[in-house]
């Protein structure tokens, strides 16, 4: 397992651990999202290969969840129109 894979697995574990049971989803869906994040992280830790498209999708999911859980106020981007 590369250092990058280890870091990615750590982030996935952290995001999965922070995801509350009913976060923006019903509890069953939130549980399945947690399961996907943990399973992907565990595969990376075990050094097993994973299709790049799947890793990219799971990383995108984790990033979106992390952004949604971030308690800091969101600012409109300079390119967005109101």
C-alpha atoms as a PDB file:
ATOM      1  CA  UNK A   1       0.000   0.000   0.000  1.00  0.00           C
ATOM      2  CA  UNK A   2       1.368   3.385  -0.957  1.00  0.00           C
ATOM      3  CA  UNK A   3       1.467   6.370   1.366  1.00  0.00           C
ATOM      4  CA  UNK A   4      -1.239   8.044  -0.737  1.00  0.00           C
ATOM      5  CA  UNK A   5      -3.520   5.017  -0.414  1.00  0.00           C
ATOM      6  CA  UNK A   6      -2.936   4.946   3.348  1.00  0.00           C
ATOM      7  CA  UNK A   7      -3.831   8.632   3.634  1.00  0.00           C
ATOM      8  CA  UNK A   8      -6.909   8.155   1.455  1.00  0.00           C
ATOM      9  CA  UNK A   9      -8.025   5.227   3.625  1.00  0.00           C
ATOM     10  CA  UNK A  10      -7.557   7.331   6.776  1.00  0.00           C
ATOM     11  CA  UNK A  11      -9.742  10.098   5.322  1.00  0.00           C
ATOM     12  CA  UNK A  12     -12.455   7.631   4.285  1.00  0.00           C
ATOM     13  CA  UNK A  13     -12.483   6.074   7.755  1.00  0.00           C
ATOM     14  CA  UNK A  14     -12.693   9.522   9.356  1.00  0.00           C
ATOM     15  CA  UNK A  15     -15.564  10.714   7.152  1.00  0.00           C
ATOM     16  CA  UNK A  16     -17.469   7.459   7.672  1.00  0.00           C
ATOM     17  CA  UNK A  17     -17.012   7.754  11.420  1.00  0.00           C
ATOM     18  CA  UNK A  18     -18.349  11.309  11.436  1.00  0.00           C
ATOM     19  CA  UNK A  19     -21.439  10.545   9.371  1.00  0.00           C
ATOM     20  CA  UNK A  20     -24.432  10.643  11.727  1.00  0.00           C
ATOM     21  CA  UNK A  21     -27.038   7.926  11.312  1.00  0.00           C
ATOM     22  CA  UNK A  22     -29.672  10.188   9.753  1.00  0.00           C
ATOM     23  CA  UNK A  23     -27.416  12.718   8.032  1.00  0.00           C
ATOM     24  CA  UNK A  24     -29.286  14.135   5.022  1.00  0.00           C
ATOM     25  CA  UNK A  25     -30.479  10.595   4.350  1.00  0.00           C
ATOM     26  CA  UNK A  26     -32.744   8.114   5.968  1.00  0.00           C
ATOM     27  CA  UNK A  27     -30.854   5.976   8.463  1.00  0.00           C
ATOM     28  CA  UNK A  28     -30.729   2.924   6.187  1.00  0.00           C
ATOM     29  CA  UNK A  29     -29.167   4.944   3.346  1.00  0.00           C
ATOM     30  CA  UNK A  30     -26.707   6.638   5.706  1.00  0.00           C
ATOM     31  CA  UNK A  31     -25.684   3.207   6.977  1.00  0.00           C
ATOM     32  CA  UNK A  32     -25.037   2.003   3.447  1.00  0.00           C
ATOM     33  CA  UNK A  33     -22.971   5.118   2.645  1.00  0.00           C
ATOM     34  CA  UNK A  34     -20.903   4.455   5.779  1.00  0.00           C
ATOM     35  CA  UNK A  35     -20.463   0.840   4.686  1.00  0.00           C
ATOM     36  CA  UNK A  36     -19.169   1.918   1.249  1.00  0.00           C
ATOM     37  CA  UNK A  37     -16.655   4.342   2.810  1.00  0.00           C
ATOM     38  CA  UNK A  38     -15.412   1.794   5.362  1.00  0.00           C
ATOM     39  CA  UNK A  39     -15.208  -1.037   2.825  1.00  0.00           C
ATOM     40  CA  UNK A  40     -13.246   1.111   0.369  1.00  0.00           C
ATOM     41  CA  UNK A  41     -10.879   2.268   3.103  1.00  0.00           C
ATOM     42  CA  UNK A  42     -10.371  -1.312   4.273  1.00  0.00           C
ATOM     43  CA  UNK A  43      -9.603  -2.471   0.718  1.00  0.00           C
ATOM     44  CA  UNK A  44      -6.976   0.276   0.396  1.00  0.00           C
ATOM     45  CA  UNK A  45      -5.418  -0.629   3.745  1.00  0.00           C
ATOM     46  CA  UNK A  46      -5.277  -4.288   2.721  1.00  0.00           C
ATOM     47  CA  UNK A  47      -3.441  -3.295  -0.466  1.00  0.00           C
ATOM     48  CA  UNK A  48      -6.056  -4.789  -2.766  1.00  0.00           C
ATOM     49  CA  UNK A  49      -6.522  -3.244  -6.170  1.00  0.00           C
ATOM     50  CA  UNK A  50      -9.574  -1.183  -6.890  1.00  0.00           C
ATOM     51  CA  UNK A  51     -10.770   0.247 -10.187  1.00  0.00           C
ATOM     52  CA  UNK A  52      -9.754   3.914 -10.497  1.00  0.00           C
ATOM     53  CA  UNK A  53     -13.331   4.879 -11.369  1.00  0.00           C
ATOM     54  CA  UNK A  54     -14.612   3.383  -8.114  1.00  0.00           C
ATOM     55  CA  UNK A  55     -11.902   5.070  -6.052  1.00  0.00           C
ATOM     56  CA  UNK A  56     -12.646   8.379  -7.759  1.00  0.00           C
ATOM     57  CA  UNK A  57     -16.397   8.007  -7.101  1.00  0.00           C
ATOM     58  CA  UNK A  58     -15.896   7.104  -3.437  1.00  0.00           C
ATOM     59  CA  UNK A  59     -13.407   9.946  -2.994  1.00  0.00           C
ATOM     60  CA  UNK A  60     -15.964  12.331  -4.534  1.00  0.00           C
ATOM     61  CA  UNK A  61     -18.643  11.024  -2.177  1.00  0.00           C
ATOM     62  CA  UNK A  62     -16.368  11.502   0.840  1.00  0.00           C
ATOM     63  CA  UNK A  63     -15.435  15.024  -0.265  1.00  0.00           C
ATOM     64  CA  UNK A  64     -19.087  15.982  -0.769  1.00  0.00           C
ATOM     65  CA  UNK A  65     -20.022  14.623   2.666  1.00  0.00           C
ATOM     66  CA  UNK A  66     -17.088  16.329   4.316  1.00  0.00           C
ATOM     67  CA  UNK A  67     -18.066  19.659   2.722  1.00  0.00           C
ATOM     68  CA  UNK A  68     -21.675  19.199   3.846  1.00  0.00           C
ATOM     69  CA  UNK A  69     -20.608  18.408   7.425  1.00  0.00           C
ATOM     70  CA  UNK A  70     -18.131  21.315   7.612  1.00  0.00           C
ATOM     71  CA  UNK A  71     -19.468  23.673  10.298  1.00  0.00           C
ATOM     72  CA  UNK A  72     -17.733  26.710   8.810  1.00  0.00           C
ATOM     73  CA  UNK A  73     -20.041  29.066   6.909  1.00  0.00           C
ATOM     74  CA  UNK A  74     -20.116  28.624   3.172  1.00  0.00           C
ATOM     75  CA  UNK A  75     -19.321  31.568   0.993  1.00  0.00           C
ATOM     76  CA  UNK A  76     -20.638  32.037  -2.498  1.00  0.00           C
ATOM     77  CA  UNK A  77     -17.969  31.547  -5.098  1.00  0.00           C
ATOM     78  CA  UNK A  78     -16.971  34.701  -7.021  1.00  0.00           C
ATOM     79  CA  UNK A  79     -18.319  33.157 -10.225  1.00  0.00           C
ATOM     80  CA  UNK A  80     -21.746  32.285  -8.861  1.00  0.00           C
ATOM     81  CA  UNK A  81     -24.637  34.577  -9.609  1.00  0.00           C
ATOM     82  CA  UNK A  82     -27.306  35.404  -7.074  1.00  0.00           C
END
